[in-house]
Amino acid sequence: MRRYCFDCSQHYCDACSQLHWTIRPITSHKMIELGHQHVVLEELMANFPPDRCEKHAERSLKLYCNTCRRALCVACSVDAAHRSHDKDEVSPLAY
């Protein structure tokens, strides 16, 4: 069964996806099985939202801007656009 990893943005065969889950830094990656059914990207993104910043790809989303109602990385949170906004820490389980 083929799988798709949202964190790597890659498709994997069954053997590679099993290996993917054994490598410590990437064991938390979000993967789904791809069968014969048609998968709609918008539906996937709603169920598996990204946990990386769009502007700073190397940074995780750690804060939530209550004013803009969106998740932010630390670098974005100190940017002029969000500096004065009300923010909270994001729980890892919230993703």
Protein backbone atom coordinates (compact mmCIF):
# COMPACT_ATOMS: atom_id res chain seq x y z
CA MET A 1 0.00 0.00 0.00
CA ARG A 2 1.39 3.41 -0.93
CA ARG A 3 1.43 6.19 1.64
CA TYR A 4 1.84 9.94 1.53
CA CYS A 5 3.81 11.89 4.17
CA PHE A 6 2.54 15.42 4.72
CA ASP A 7 5.72 16.55 6.47
CA CYS A 8 8.02 15.36 3.68
CA SER A 9 5.49 16.00 0.88
CA GLN A 10 6.49 12.61 -0.58
CA HIS A 11 4.84 9.35 -1.60
CA TYR A 12 6.31 6.14 -0.13
CA CYS A 13 5.92 2.45 -0.92
CA ASP A 14 4.91 0.15 1.93
CA ALA A 15 8.48 -0.86 2.79
CA CYS A 16 9.77 2.73 2.84
CA SER A 17 6.80 4.01 4.84
CA GLN A 18 7.40 1.31 7.49
CA LEU A 19 11.04 2.39 7.69
CA HIS A 20 9.89 6.01 7.86
CA TRP A 21 8.16 5.30 11.18
CA THR A 22 11.29 3.79 12.74
CA ILE A 23 13.63 6.76 12.29
CA ARG A 24 13.44 8.79 15.49
CA PRO A 25 13.34 12.38 14.14
CA ILE A 26 10.52 11.57 11.73
CA THR A 27 8.38 9.11 13.69
CA SER A 28 5.82 11.85 14.36
CA HIS A 29 5.28 12.63 10.67
CA LYS A 30 1.67 12.51 9.51
CA MET A 31 1.09 9.84 6.86
CA ILE A 32 -2.01 8.44 5.18
CA GLU A 33 -2.58 5.29 3.17
CA LEU A 34 -3.37 5.87 -0.47
CA GLY A 35 -5.73 3.25 -1.88
CA HIS A 36 -7.63 3.32 -5.11
CA GLN A 37 -10.03 6.04 -3.93
CA HIS A 38 -9.66 9.61 -5.16
CA VAL A 39 -8.10 11.87 -2.50
CA VAL A 40 -9.04 15.56 -2.50
CA LEU A 41 -6.17 17.83 -1.41
CA GLU A 42 -8.47 20.32 0.35
CA GLU A 43 -9.97 17.48 2.37
CA LEU A 44 -6.51 16.22 3.35
CA MET A 45 -5.35 19.68 4.41
CA ALA A 46 -8.45 20.10 6.58
CA ASN A 47 -7.75 16.78 8.32
CA PHE A 48 -3.97 17.15 8.46
CA PRO A 49 -3.10 20.84 8.69
CA PRO A 50 0.59 21.68 8.25
CA ASP A 51 2.65 22.22 11.38
CA ARG A 52 5.36 24.24 9.61
CA CYS A 53 5.31 27.96 8.95
CA GLU A 54 4.56 28.93 5.35
CA LYS A 55 6.98 31.86 5.57
CA HIS A 56 9.73 30.10 7.59
CA ALA A 57 9.62 26.45 6.44
CA GLU A 58 12.23 25.34 8.98
CA ARG A 59 10.11 26.56 11.92
CA SER A 60 7.22 24.81 13.66
CA LEU A 61 3.97 26.57 14.46
CA LYS A 62 4.26 27.19 18.20
CA LEU A 63 1.85 30.08 18.82
CA TYR A 64 -1.73 31.00 17.99
CA CYS A 65 -2.61 34.60 17.14
CA ASN A 66 -6.04 35.18 18.67
CA THR A 67 -6.40 38.43 16.72
CA CYS A 68 -5.77 36.89 13.27
CA ARG A 69 -7.03 33.43 14.28
CA ARG A 70 -4.05 31.55 12.84
CA ALA A 71 -1.04 29.57 14.02
CA LEU A 72 2.37 31.26 13.94
CA CYS A 73 6.02 30.39 14.35
CA VAL A 74 8.10 32.38 16.83
CA ALA A 75 9.70 34.48 14.06
CA CYS A 76 6.29 35.52 12.70
CA SER A 77 5.02 36.33 16.20
CA VAL A 78 7.58 39.12 16.63
CA ASP A 79 6.99 40.47 13.12
CA ALA A 80 5.31 43.89 12.96
CA ALA A 81 2.10 42.30 11.65
CA HIS A 82 1.57 40.28 14.87
CA ARG A 83 3.78 41.97 17.46
CA SER A 84 0.97 43.67 19.38
CA HIS A 85 -1.58 40.87 18.92
CA ASP A 86 -2.87 38.59 21.68
CA LYS A 87 -1.13 35.19 21.33
CA ASP A 88 -1.20 31.83 23.12
CA GLU A 89 1.06 28.77 23.01
CA VAL A 90 -0.21 25.99 20.76
CA SER A 91 -0.52 22.52 22.28
CA PRO A 92 1.13 19.80 20.14
CA LEU A 93 -2.19 17.92 20.32
CA ALA A 94 -3.99 20.85 18.69
CA TYR A 95 -2.55 20.09 15.25
